[in-house]
C-alpha atoms as a PDB file:
ATOM      1  CA  UNK A   1     -27.919  -9.650 -21.770  1.00  0.00           C
ATOM      2  CA  UNK A   2     -24.566 -11.418 -21.792  1.00  0.00           C
ATOM      3  CA  UNK A   3     -22.042  -9.869 -19.391  1.00  0.00           C
ATOM      4  CA  UNK A   4     -18.563  -9.219 -20.751  1.00  0.00           C
ATOM      5  CA  UNK A   5     -15.753 -11.261 -19.240  1.00  0.00           C
ATOM      6  CA  UNK A   6     -13.910  -8.341 -17.610  1.00  0.00           C
ATOM      7  CA  UNK A   7     -17.163  -7.041 -16.144  1.00  0.00           C
ATOM      8  CA  UNK A   8     -17.693 -10.503 -14.657  1.00  0.00           C
ATOM      9  CA  UNK A   9     -14.225 -10.302 -13.140  1.00  0.00           C
ATOM     10  CA  UNK A  10     -14.971  -6.899 -11.590  1.00  0.00           C
ATOM     11  CA  UNK A  11     -18.326  -8.064 -10.239  1.00  0.00           C
ATOM     12  CA  UNK A  12     -16.815 -11.191  -8.664  1.00  0.00           C
ATOM     13  CA  UNK A  13     -13.907  -9.202  -7.200  1.00  0.00           C
ATOM     14  CA  UNK A  14     -16.375  -6.891  -5.447  1.00  0.00           C
ATOM     15  CA  UNK A  15     -18.443  -9.809  -4.165  1.00  0.00           C
ATOM     16  CA  UNK A  16     -15.210 -11.224  -2.693  1.00  0.00           C
ATOM     17  CA  UNK A  17     -14.410  -7.806  -1.151  1.00  0.00           C
ATOM     18  CA  UNK A  18     -11.086  -7.506  -2.964  1.00  0.00           C
ATOM     19  CA  UNK A  19      -9.452  -4.105  -2.788  1.00  0.00           C
ATOM     20  CA  UNK A  20      -9.756  -1.783  -5.763  1.00  0.00           C
ATOM     21  CA  UNK A  21      -6.010  -2.081  -6.401  1.00  0.00           C
ATOM     22  CA  UNK A  22      -6.248  -5.885  -6.501  1.00  0.00           C
ATOM     23  CA  UNK A  23      -9.310  -5.717  -8.714  1.00  0.00           C
ATOM     24  CA  UNK A  24      -7.567  -3.429 -11.202  1.00  0.00           C
ATOM     25  CA  UNK A  25      -4.434  -5.596 -11.207  1.00  0.00           C
ATOM     26  CA  UNK A  26      -6.436  -8.779 -11.842  1.00  0.00           C
ATOM     27  CA  UNK A  27      -8.429  -7.165 -14.643  1.00  0.00           C
ATOM     28  CA  UNK A  28      -5.247  -6.007 -16.382  1.00  0.00           C
ATOM     29  CA  UNK A  29      -3.541  -9.410 -16.117  1.00  0.00           C
ATOM     30  CA  UNK A  30      -6.602 -11.262 -17.394  1.00  0.00           C
ATOM     31  CA  UNK A  31      -6.870  -8.812 -20.267  1.00  0.00           C
ATOM     32  CA  UNK A  32      -3.210  -9.410 -21.165  1.00  0.00           C
ATOM     33  CA  UNK A  33      -3.738 -13.183 -20.907  1.00  0.00           C
ATOM     34  CA  UNK A  34      -6.689 -13.054 -23.329  1.00  0.00           C
ATOM     35  CA  UNK A  35      -4.876 -10.757 -25.783  1.00  0.00           C
ATOM     36  CA  UNK A  36      -1.790 -12.980 -25.685  1.00  0.00           C
ATOM     37  CA  UNK A  37      -3.934 -15.871 -26.921  1.00  0.00           C
ATOM     38  CA  UNK A  38      -5.476 -13.841 -29.783  1.00  0.00           C
ATOM     39  CA  UNK A  39      -8.677 -13.000 -27.858  1.00  0.00           C
ATOM     40  CA  UNK A  40      -9.699 -16.640 -27.399  1.00  0.00           C
ATOM     41  CA  UNK A  41     -12.148 -17.147 -24.562  1.00  0.00           C
ATOM     42  CA  UNK A  42     -10.389 -18.522 -21.454  1.00  0.00           C
ATOM     43  CA  UNK A  43     -12.903 -21.400 -21.274  1.00  0.00           C
ATOM     44  CA  UNK A  44     -11.245 -22.790 -24.402  1.00  0.00           C
ATOM     45  CA  UNK A  45      -7.769 -22.488 -22.864  1.00  0.00           C
ATOM     46  CA  UNK A  46      -6.041 -24.593 -20.243  1.00  0.00           C
ATOM     47  CA  UNK A  47      -2.858 -25.295 -18.336  1.00  0.00           C
ATOM     48  CA  UNK A  48      -0.613 -25.339 -21.398  1.00  0.00           C
ATOM     49  CA  UNK A  49      -1.812 -21.890 -22.434  1.00  0.00           C
ATOM     50  CA  UNK A  50      -1.264 -20.555 -18.923  1.00  0.00           C
ATOM     51  CA  UNK A  51       2.299 -21.908 -18.961  1.00  0.00           C
ATOM     52  CA  UNK A  52       2.905 -20.286 -22.343  1.00  0.00           C
ATOM     53  CA  UNK A  53       1.754 -16.912 -21.013  1.00  0.00           C
ATOM     54  CA  UNK A  54       3.868 -17.136 -17.849  1.00  0.00           C
ATOM     55  CA  UNK A  55       6.901 -18.234 -19.868  1.00  0.00           C
ATOM     56  CA  UNK A  56       6.388 -15.272 -22.189  1.00  0.00           C
ATOM     57  CA  UNK A  57       6.309 -12.890 -19.225  1.00  0.00           C
ATOM     58  CA  UNK A  58       9.570 -14.249 -17.832  1.00  0.00           C
ATOM     59  CA  UNK A  59      11.543 -14.767 -21.047  1.00  0.00           C
ATOM     60  CA  UNK A  60      10.303 -11.821 -23.118  1.00  0.00           C
ATOM     61  CA  UNK A  61       9.194  -9.251 -20.543  1.00  0.00           C
ATOM     62  CA  UNK A  62      11.765 -10.168 -17.839  1.00  0.00           C
ATOM     63  CA  UNK A  63       9.205  -9.852 -15.032  1.00  0.00           C
ATOM     64  CA  UNK A  64      10.180 -10.639 -11.450  1.00  0.00           C
ATOM     65  CA  UNK A  65       8.968 -13.740  -9.613  1.00  0.00           C
ATOM     66  CA  UNK A  66       6.495 -11.654  -7.592  1.00  0.00           C
ATOM     67  CA  UNK A  67       5.014 -10.189 -10.788  1.00  0.00           C
ATOM     68  CA  UNK A  68       4.808 -13.662 -12.310  1.00  0.00           C
ATOM     69  CA  UNK A  69       2.968 -14.912  -9.245  1.00  0.00           C
ATOM     70  CA  UNK A  70       0.574 -11.966  -9.334  1.00  0.00           C
ATOM     71  CA  UNK A  71      -0.281 -12.800 -12.942  1.00  0.00           C
ATOM     72  CA  UNK A  72      -0.849 -16.436 -11.991  1.00  0.00           C
ATOM     73  CA  UNK A  73      -3.057 -15.434  -9.046  1.00  0.00           C
ATOM     74  CA  UNK A  74      -5.184 -13.346 -11.396  1.00  0.00           C
ATOM     75  CA  UNK A  75      -5.584 -16.259 -13.818  1.00  0.00           C
ATOM     76  CA  UNK A  76      -6.414 -18.691 -11.010  1.00  0.00           C
ATOM     77  CA  UNK A  77      -9.011 -16.197  -9.750  1.00  0.00           C
ATOM     78  CA  UNK A  78     -10.481 -16.054 -13.252  1.00  0.00           C
ATOM     79  CA  UNK A  79     -10.866 -19.817 -13.590  1.00  0.00           C
ATOM     80  CA  UNK A  80     -11.769 -20.682 -10.005  1.00  0.00           C
ATOM     81  CA  UNK A  81     -13.984 -17.778  -8.961  1.00  0.00           C
ATOM     82  CA  UNK A  82     -15.365 -16.372 -12.214  1.00  0.00           C
ATOM     83  CA  UNK A  83     -15.542 -19.272 -14.673  1.00  0.00           C
ATOM     84  CA  UNK A  84     -15.891 -21.971 -11.970  1.00  0.00           C
ATOM     85  CA  UNK A  85     -13.325 -24.070 -13.800  1.00  0.00           C
ATOM     86  CA  UNK A  86     -10.336 -24.602 -11.436  1.00  0.00           C
ATOM     87  CA  UNK A  87      -6.953 -24.830 -13.083  1.00  0.00           C
ATOM     88  CA  UNK A  88      -6.187 -27.914 -11.007  1.00  0.00           C
ATOM     89  CA  UNK A  89      -7.960 -30.050 -13.572  1.00  0.00           C
ATOM     90  CA  UNK A  90      -5.340 -28.958 -16.106  1.00  0.00           C
ATOM     91  CA  UNK A  91      -2.373 -29.900 -13.914  1.00  0.00           C
ATOM     92  CA  UNK A  92      -0.178 -27.961 -11.533  1.00  0.00           C
ATOM     93  CA  UNK A  93       1.010 -24.534 -12.619  1.00  0.00           C
ATOM     94  CA  UNK A  94       4.527 -23.688 -11.394  1.00  0.00           C
ATOM     95  CA  UNK A  95       4.973 -20.536  -9.324  1.00  0.00           C
ATOM     96  CA  UNK A  96       7.978 -18.282  -9.493  1.00  0.00           C
ATOM     97  CA  UNK A  97      10.526 -18.765  -6.742  1.00  0.00           C
ATOM     98  CA  UNK A  98      10.407 -15.964  -4.187  1.00  0.00           C
ATOM     99  CA  UNK A  99      13.402 -13.689  -4.537  1.00  0.00           C
ATOM    100  CA  UNK A 100      15.003 -12.527  -1.302  1.00  0.00           C
ATOM    101  CA  UNK A 101      16.265  -8.943  -1.474  1.00  0.00           C
ATOM    102  CA  UNK A 102      18.134  -6.961   1.129  1.00  0.00           C
ATOM    103  CA  UNK A 103      16.113  -3.913   2.209  1.00  0.00           C
ATOM    104  CA  UNK A 104      17.663  -0.475   1.889  1.00  0.00           C
ATOM    105  CA  UNK A 105      18.189   1.189   5.272  1.00  0.00           C
ATOM    106  CA  UNK A 106      18.775   4.891   5.856  1.00  0.00           C
ATOM    107  CA  UNK A 107      21.156   5.825   8.615  1.00  0.00           C
ATOM    108  CA  UNK A 108      19.821   8.404  11.051  1.00  0.00           C
ATOM    109  CA  UNK A 109      21.845  11.138   9.342  1.00  0.00           C
ATOM    110  CA  UNK A 110      20.671  10.047   5.887  1.00  0.00           C
ATOM    111  CA  UNK A 111      17.019  10.039   6.952  1.00  0.00           C
ATOM    112  CA  UNK A 112      17.446  13.501   8.471  1.00  0.00           C
ATOM    113  CA  UNK A 113      19.107  14.801   5.302  1.00  0.00           C
ATOM    114  CA  UNK A 114      16.254  13.552   3.116  1.00  0.00           C
ATOM    115  CA  UNK A 115      13.588  15.010   5.392  1.00  0.00           C
ATOM    116  CA  UNK A 116      15.418  18.365   5.430  1.00  0.00           C
ATOM    117  CA  UNK A 117      15.124  18.458   1.639  1.00  0.00           C
ATOM    118  CA  UNK A 118      11.350  18.007   1.769  1.00  0.00           C
ATOM    119  CA  UNK A 119       8.685  20.607   2.423  1.00  0.00           C
ATOM    120  CA  UNK A 120       4.978  20.730   3.161  1.00  0.00           C
ATOM    121  CA  UNK A 121       2.842  17.600   2.902  1.00  0.00           C
ATOM    122  CA  UNK A 122       5.602  15.351   1.418  1.00  0.00           C
ATOM    123  CA  UNK A 123       7.789  16.147   4.437  1.00  0.00           C
ATOM    124  CA  UNK A 124       4.974  15.413   6.878  1.00  0.00           C
ATOM    125  CA  UNK A 125       4.097  12.128   5.160  1.00  0.00           C
ATOM    126  CA  UNK A 126       7.746  10.993   4.987  1.00  0.00           C
ATOM    127  CA  UNK A 127       8.149  11.909   8.657  1.00  0.00           C
ATOM    128  CA  UNK A 128       5.215   9.632   9.518  1.00  0.00           C
ATOM    129  CA  UNK A 129       6.720   6.789   7.488  1.00  0.00           C
ATOM    130  CA  UNK A 130       9.963   7.144   9.412  1.00  0.00           C
ATOM    131  CA  UNK A 131       8.552   8.055  12.821  1.00  0.00           C
ATOM    132  CA  UNK A 132       5.598   5.638  12.924  1.00  0.00           C
ATOM    133  CA  UNK A 133       6.585   2.845  10.528  1.00  0.00           C
ATOM    134  CA  UNK A 134       3.637   3.366   8.200  1.00  0.00           C
ATOM    135  CA  UNK A 135       3.454   2.083   4.666  1.00  0.00           C
ATOM    136  CA  UNK A 136       2.975   4.875   2.139  1.00  0.00           C
ATOM    137  CA  UNK A 137      -0.564   3.836   1.221  1.00  0.00           C
ATOM    138  CA  UNK A 138      -1.450   3.532   4.911  1.00  0.00           C
ATOM    139  CA  UNK A 139      -0.372   7.134   5.423  1.00  0.00           C
ATOM    140  CA  UNK A 140      -2.395   8.276   2.411  1.00  0.00           C
ATOM    141  CA  UNK A 141      -5.501   6.511   3.725  1.00  0.00           C
ATOM    142  CA  UNK A 142      -5.393   8.089   7.183  1.00  0.00           C
ATOM    143  CA  UNK A 143      -8.661   9.702   8.261  1.00  0.00           C
ATOM    144  CA  UNK A 144      -8.899  12.560  10.749  1.00  0.00           C
ATOM    145  CA  UNK A 145     -10.580  10.273  13.281  1.00  0.00           C
ATOM    146  CA  UNK A 146      -7.637   7.849  13.111  1.00  0.00           C
ATOM    147  CA  UNK A 147      -5.283  10.254  14.903  1.00  0.00           C
ATOM    148  CA  UNK A 148      -5.451  10.492  18.678  1.00  0.00           C
ATOM    149  CA  UNK A 149      -3.552  13.560  19.861  1.00  0.00           C
ATOM    150  CA  UNK A 150      -4.314  12.969  23.535  1.00  0.00           C
ATOM    151  CA  UNK A 151      -2.751   9.516  23.733  1.00  0.00           C
ATOM    152  CA  UNK A 152      -0.266  10.051  20.869  1.00  0.00           C
ATOM    153  CA  UNK A 153      -1.129   7.152  18.615  1.00  0.00           C
ATOM    154  CA  UNK A 154      -2.434   6.498  15.117  1.00  0.00           C
ATOM    155  CA  UNK A 155      -4.936   3.801  14.191  1.00  0.00           C
ATOM    156  CA  UNK A 156      -4.029   2.061  10.940  1.00  0.00           C
ATOM    157  CA  UNK A 157      -7.235   0.603   9.549  1.00  0.00           C
ATOM    158  CA  UNK A 158      -7.423  -2.159   6.955  1.00  0.00           C
ATOM    159  CA  UNK A 159      -3.656  -2.383   6.579  1.00  0.00           C
ATOM    160  CA  UNK A 160      -1.922  -5.108   4.613  1.00  0.00           C
ATOM    161  CA  UNK A 161      -3.774  -8.361   5.197  1.00  0.00           C
ATOM    162  CA  UNK A 162      -6.891  -6.328   6.159  1.00  0.00           C
ATOM    163  CA  UNK A 163      -5.516  -5.870   9.694  1.00  0.00           C
ATOM    164  CA  UNK A 164      -5.899  -2.907  12.052  1.00  0.00           C
ATOM    165  CA  UNK A 165      -3.094  -1.843  14.388  1.00  0.00           C
ATOM    166  CA  UNK A 166      -1.861   1.012  16.559  1.00  0.00           C
ATOM    167  CA  UNK A 167       1.376   2.867  15.874  1.00  0.00           C
ATOM    168  CA  UNK A 168       3.036   5.641  17.895  1.00  0.00           C
ATOM    169  CA  UNK A 169       2.569   9.299  17.007  1.00  0.00           C
ATOM    170  CA  UNK A 170       5.809  11.164  17.817  1.00  0.00           C
ATOM    171  CA  UNK A 171       5.018  14.389  19.663  1.00  0.00           C
ATOM    172  CA  UNK A 172       7.227  16.453  17.349  1.00  0.00           C
ATOM    173  CA  UNK A 173       4.773  15.811  14.474  1.00  0.00           C
ATOM    174  CA  UNK A 174       1.659  16.857  16.395  1.00  0.00           C
ATOM    175  CA  UNK A 175       1.746  20.619  15.576  1.00  0.00           C
ATOM    176  CA  UNK A 176       2.229  19.956  11.845  1.00  0.00           C
ATOM    177  CA  UNK A 177      -0.575  17.376  11.812  1.00  0.00           C
ATOM    178  CA  UNK A 178      -2.918  19.713  13.655  1.00  0.00           C
ATOM    179  CA  UNK A 179      -2.223  22.477  11.131  1.00  0.00           C
ATOM    180  CA  UNK A 180      -2.853  20.020   8.292  1.00  0.00           C
ATOM    181  CA  UNK A 181      -6.188  18.976   9.803  1.00  0.00           C
ATOM    182  CA  UNK A 182      -7.254  22.618  10.139  1.00  0.00           C
ATOM    183  CA  UNK A 183      -6.572  23.049   6.416  1.00  0.00           C
ATOM    184  CA  UNK A 184      -8.639  19.941   5.680  1.00  0.00           C
ATOM    185  CA  UNK A 185     -11.532  21.344   7.723  1.00  0.00           C
ATOM    186  CA  UNK A 186     -11.528  24.558   5.666  1.00  0.00           C
ATOM    187  CA  UNK A 187     -11.377  22.583   2.419  1.00  0.00           C
ATOM    188  CA  UNK A 188     -14.231  20.384   3.609  1.00  0.00           C
ATOM    189  CA  UNK A 189     -16.389  23.423   4.379  1.00  0.00           C
ATOM    190  CA  UNK A 190     -15.823  24.672   0.830  1.00  0.00           C
ATOM    191  CA  UNK A 191     -16.813  21.267  -0.595  1.00  0.00           C
ATOM    192  CA  UNK A 192     -19.984  21.205   1.513  1.00  0.00           C
ATOM    193  CA  UNK A 193     -20.888  24.731   0.404  1.00  0.00           C
ATOM    194  CA  UNK A 194     -20.561  23.621  -3.236  1.00  0.00           C
ATOM    195  CA  UNK A 195     -22.794  20.590  -2.715  1.00  0.00           C
ATOM    196  CA  UNK A 196     -20.101  17.953  -2.311  1.00  0.00           C
ATOM    197  CA  UNK A 197     -17.999  17.006   0.725  1.00  0.00           C
ATOM    198  CA  UNK A 198     -18.255  13.209   0.650  1.00  0.00           C
ATOM    199  CA  UNK A 199     -15.353  10.822   1.290  1.00  0.00           C
ATOM    200  CA  UNK A 200     -15.158   7.156   0.365  1.00  0.00           C
ATOM    201  CA  UNK A 201     -16.511   4.821   3.071  1.00  0.00           C
ATOM    202  CA  UNK A 202     -15.428   1.168   3.280  1.00  0.00           C
ATOM    203  CA  UNK A 203     -17.770  -1.809   2.859  1.00  0.00           C
ATOM    204  CA  UNK A 204     -21.441  -1.054   3.613  1.00  0.00           C
ATOM    205  CA  UNK A 205     -20.919   1.918   5.927  1.00  0.00           C
ATOM    206  CA  UNK A 206     -22.356   4.273   3.322  1.00  0.00           C
ATOM    207  CA  UNK A 207     -25.638   2.323   3.483  1.00  0.00           C
ATOM    208  CA  UNK A 208     -25.677   1.967   7.284  1.00  0.00           C
ATOM    209  CA  UNK A 209     -24.704   5.576   7.976  1.00  0.00           C
ATOM    210  CA  UNK A 210     -25.941   7.654   5.066  1.00  0.00           C
ATOM    211  CA  UNK A 211     -24.510  10.970   6.244  1.00  0.00           C
ATOM    212  CA  UNK A 212     -21.220   9.649   7.638  1.00  0.00           C
ATOM    213  CA  UNK A 213     -19.331  10.295   4.397  1.00  0.00           C
ATOM    214  CA  UNK A 214     -19.751  14.050   4.957  1.00  0.00           C
ATOM    215  CA  UNK A 215     -18.588  14.009   8.577  1.00  0.00           C
ATOM    216  CA  UNK A 216     -15.219  15.632   9.208  1.00  0.00           C
ATOM    217  CA  UNK A 217     -13.874  12.548  10.986  1.00  0.00           C
ATOM    218  CA  UNK A 218     -14.084  10.481   7.800  1.00  0.00           C
ATOM    219  CA  UNK A 219     -12.189  13.010   5.674  1.00  0.00           C
ATOM    220  CA  UNK A 220      -8.666  12.093   4.597  1.00  0.00           C
ATOM    221  CA  UNK A 221      -5.801  13.776   6.427  1.00  0.00           C
ATOM    222  CA  UNK A 222      -4.050  14.210   3.064  1.00  0.00           C
ATOM    223  CA  UNK A 223      -6.851  14.952   0.573  1.00  0.00           C
ATOM    224  CA  UNK A 224      -6.397  15.306  -3.151  1.00  0.00           C
ATOM    225  CA  UNK A 225      -6.367  18.805  -4.604  1.00  0.00           C
ATOM    226  CA  UNK A 226      -9.258  17.981  -6.941  1.00  0.00           C
ATOM    227  CA  UNK A 227     -12.522  16.112  -6.490  1.00  0.00           C
ATOM    228  CA  UNK A 228     -12.999  13.011  -8.632  1.00  0.00           C
ATOM    229  CA  UNK A 229     -15.553  10.293  -9.408  1.00  0.00           C
ATOM    230  CA  UNK A 230     -15.315   7.071  -7.436  1.00  0.00           C
ATOM    231  CA  UNK A 231     -14.454   4.320  -9.977  1.00  0.00           C
ATOM    232  CA  UNK A 232     -17.083   1.970  -8.550  1.00  0.00           C
ATOM    233  CA  UNK A 233     -20.021   4.229  -7.644  1.00  0.00           C
ATOM    234  CA  UNK A 234     -19.263   7.211  -9.952  1.00  0.00           C
ATOM    235  CA  UNK A 235     -20.093   9.529  -7.007  1.00  0.00           C
ATOM    236  CA  UNK A 236     -17.988  12.696  -6.877  1.00  0.00           C
ATOM    237  CA  UNK A 237     -15.713  12.425  -3.826  1.00  0.00           C
ATOM    238  CA  UNK A 238     -12.658  14.050  -2.306  1.00  0.00           C
ATOM    239  CA  UNK A 239     -10.166  11.181  -2.407  1.00  0.00           C
ATOM    240  CA  UNK A 240      -6.708  11.096  -0.843  1.00  0.00           C
ATOM    241  CA  UNK A 241      -3.497  12.238  -2.500  1.00  0.00           C
ATOM    242  CA  UNK A 242      -2.004   9.876  -5.038  1.00  0.00           C
ATOM    243  CA  UNK A 243       1.081   8.008  -3.842  1.00  0.00           C
ATOM    244  CA  UNK A 244       3.100   9.094  -6.877  1.00  0.00           C
ATOM    245  CA  UNK A 245       3.106  12.707  -5.633  1.00  0.00           C
ATOM    246  CA  UNK A 246       4.927  11.674  -2.456  1.00  0.00           C
ATOM    247  CA  UNK A 247       7.166   9.211  -4.279  1.00  0.00           C
ATOM    248  CA  UNK A 248       8.381  11.858  -6.730  1.00  0.00           C
ATOM    249  CA  UNK A 249       8.982  14.352  -3.937  1.00  0.00           C
ATOM    250  CA  UNK A 250      11.014  11.844  -1.916  1.00  0.00           C
ATOM    251  CA  UNK A 251      13.005  10.843  -4.996  1.00  0.00           C
ATOM    252  CA  UNK A 252      13.898  14.500  -5.637  1.00  0.00           C
ATOM    253  CA  UNK A 253      14.885  14.926  -1.973  1.00  0.00           C
ATOM    254  CA  UNK A 254      17.118  11.837  -2.172  1.00  0.00           C
ATOM    255  CA  UNK A 255      18.850  13.255  -5.230  1.00  0.00           C
ATOM    256  CA  UNK A 256      19.371  16.611  -3.501  1.00  0.00           C
ATOM    257  CA  UNK A 257      20.822  14.795  -0.491  1.00  0.00           C
ATOM    258  CA  UNK A 258      23.518  13.248  -2.678  1.00  0.00           C
ATOM    259  CA  UNK A 259      22.694   9.684  -1.656  1.00  0.00           C
ATOM    260  CA  UNK A 260      23.550   6.872  -4.036  1.00  0.00           C
ATOM    261  CA  UNK A 261      21.226   4.157  -2.772  1.00  0.00           C
ATOM    262  CA  UNK A 262      18.503   2.398  -4.727  1.00  0.00           C
ATOM    263  CA  UNK A 263      15.906   3.484  -2.222  1.00  0.00           C
ATOM    264  CA  UNK A 264      12.303   4.649  -1.965  1.00  0.00           C
ATOM    265  CA  UNK A 265       9.606   5.761   0.480  1.00  0.00           C
ATOM    266  CA  UNK A 266       9.441   2.212   1.839  1.00  0.00           C
ATOM    267  CA  UNK A 267      13.016   2.507   3.066  1.00  0.00           C
ATOM    268  CA  UNK A 268      11.751   4.862   5.793  1.00  0.00           C
ATOM    269  CA  UNK A 269       9.725   1.939   7.175  1.00  0.00           C
ATOM    270  CA  UNK A 270      12.779  -0.352   7.081  1.00  0.00           C
ATOM    271  CA  UNK A 271      14.790   2.341   8.846  1.00  0.00           C
ATOM    272  CA  UNK A 272      12.079   2.769  11.490  1.00  0.00           C
ATOM    273  CA  UNK A 273      12.305  -0.941  12.367  1.00  0.00           C
ATOM    274  CA  UNK A 274      16.103  -1.105  12.313  1.00  0.00           C
ATOM    275  CA  UNK A 275      16.559   1.989  14.470  1.00  0.00           C
ATOM    276  CA  UNK A 276      14.087   0.626  17.019  1.00  0.00           C
ATOM    277  CA  UNK A 277      16.180  -2.546  17.224  1.00  0.00           C
ATOM    278  CA  UNK A 278      19.317  -0.452  17.607  1.00  0.00           C
ATOM    279  CA  UNK A 279      17.665   1.349  20.526  1.00  0.00           C
ATOM    280  CA  UNK A 280      17.081  -1.952  22.303  1.00  0.00           C
ATOM    281  CA  UNK A 281      13.425  -2.667  21.540  1.00  0.00           C
ATOM    282  CA  UNK A 282      12.557  -6.361  21.279  1.00  0.00           C
ATOM    283  CA  UNK A 283      11.629  -8.015  18.013  1.00  0.00           C
ATOM    284  CA  UNK A 284       8.027  -8.717  19.008  1.00  0.00           C
ATOM    285  CA  UNK A 285       7.378  -5.041  19.706  1.00  0.00           C
ATOM    286  CA  UNK A 286       8.785  -4.106  16.301  1.00  0.00           C
ATOM    287  CA  UNK A 287       6.770  -6.908  14.720  1.00  0.00           C
ATOM    288  CA  UNK A 288       3.505  -5.562  16.164  1.00  0.00           C
ATOM    289  CA  UNK A 289       4.252  -1.976  15.142  1.00  0.00           C
ATOM    290  CA  UNK A 290       4.962  -3.093  11.576  1.00  0.00           C
ATOM    291  CA  UNK A 291       1.786  -5.163  11.455  1.00  0.00           C
ATOM    292  CA  UNK A 292       3.525  -8.471  10.814  1.00  0.00           C
ATOM    293  CA  UNK A 293       1.788 -11.694  11.851  1.00  0.00           C
ATOM    294  CA  UNK A 294       3.403 -14.049  14.366  1.00  0.00           C
ATOM    295  CA  UNK A 295       4.581 -16.410  11.649  1.00  0.00           C
ATOM    296  CA  UNK A 296       6.523 -13.526  10.079  1.00  0.00           C
ATOM    297  CA  UNK A 297       8.569 -12.832  13.194  1.00  0.00           C
ATOM    298  CA  UNK A 298      11.659 -14.330  11.597  1.00  0.00           C
ATOM    299  CA  UNK A 299      11.024 -13.006   8.134  1.00  0.00           C
ATOM    300  CA  UNK A 300      13.747 -11.390   6.084  1.00  0.00           C
ATOM    301  CA  UNK A 301      13.155  -7.824   7.246  1.00  0.00           C
ATOM    302  CA  UNK A 302      13.450  -8.652  10.937  1.00  0.00           C
ATOM    303  CA  UNK A 303      16.486 -10.867  10.341  1.00  0.00           C
ATOM    304  CA  UNK A 304      18.181  -8.163   8.297  1.00  0.00           C
ATOM    305  CA  UNK A 305      17.316  -5.660  11.013  1.00  0.00           C
ATOM    306  CA  UNK A 306      19.114  -7.827  13.544  1.00  0.00           C
ATOM    307  CA  UNK A 307      22.098  -8.180  11.221  1.00  0.00           C
ATOM    308  CA  UNK A 308      22.271  -4.448  10.691  1.00  0.00           C
ATOM    309  CA  UNK A 309      21.984  -3.960  14.432  1.00  0.00           C
ATOM    310  CA  UNK A 310      25.114  -6.036  14.907  1.00  0.00           C
ATOM    311  CA  UNK A 311      26.939  -4.298  12.077  1.00  0.00           C
ATOM    312  CA  UNK A 312      26.008  -0.823  13.244  1.00  0.00           C
ATOM    313  CA  UNK A 313      26.735  -1.442  16.916  1.00  0.00           C
ATOM    314  CA  UNK A 314      29.619   0.738  18.156  1.00  0.00           C
ATOM    315  CA  UNK A 315      32.845  -1.060  18.880  1.00  0.00           C
ATOM    316  CA  UNK A 316      33.751  -0.836  22.542  1.00  0.00           C
ATOM    317  CA  UNK A 317      37.398  -0.453  23.350  1.00  0.00           C
ATOM    318  CA  UNK A 318      38.766  -2.710  26.061  1.00  0.00           C
END
């Protein structure tokens, strides 16, 4: 039986161990590429058609350079990995120029004001973003076993670039996290009693350790309120909270705080780095806590952090 093109894309993405988010993004871009060319099979298309699609995205849809590059990456993946027909034989495809943007930084008072306008899980998650420098999705993916209360650190597993790292766990968050974990334990007992209780396990761990998915250590610290089917295995699991829930809560808290910055949850991470620099920590320490590679040590965020450090430094009177 002939496999549909998008199913081929999904199958290849899983063989290459791409994340589910990347897989979904690639599938959507390839679908848009095919529809743009009136459902012609990509094997009959080439470099000129790719350029037409990218030009359409920029001129008609006003996409950013990063979005343009994501679309191109998806198309290159299609030709190189799925169809085994590299785009290089059609000529070079231009990439969008990377746009440098200044990150939004909360002052200490602004961060405190936003956190004071949050409650419950959104407040705890935002506190971890600001106090530990986590990305939002990293916080959502935390498992109970990733938090070490004795040594006050959090293990971030499979972060951006598929890298693990350690980040500090501020002591002031420990009681709230412990209460949250107790709630998760009760919820997990209810799931087990109803015949469920599994959590998603990465890679082949589900095959190697068949019962691990029901162990409390693998449960998410911030579980979803409802069970749902895993999009790949169709097994009913208790997944983590969706990022949009936290994003909406933080946006409402920002509005209540009266701030007029174009900011988001990610600004807590920027603020974490900048405030560490203000407190005298060296760049390499900040780099490691953020999970940046050595070649990124002078990237825009660190440079801007240094600039803000100079701007925010108190003026000493002679």
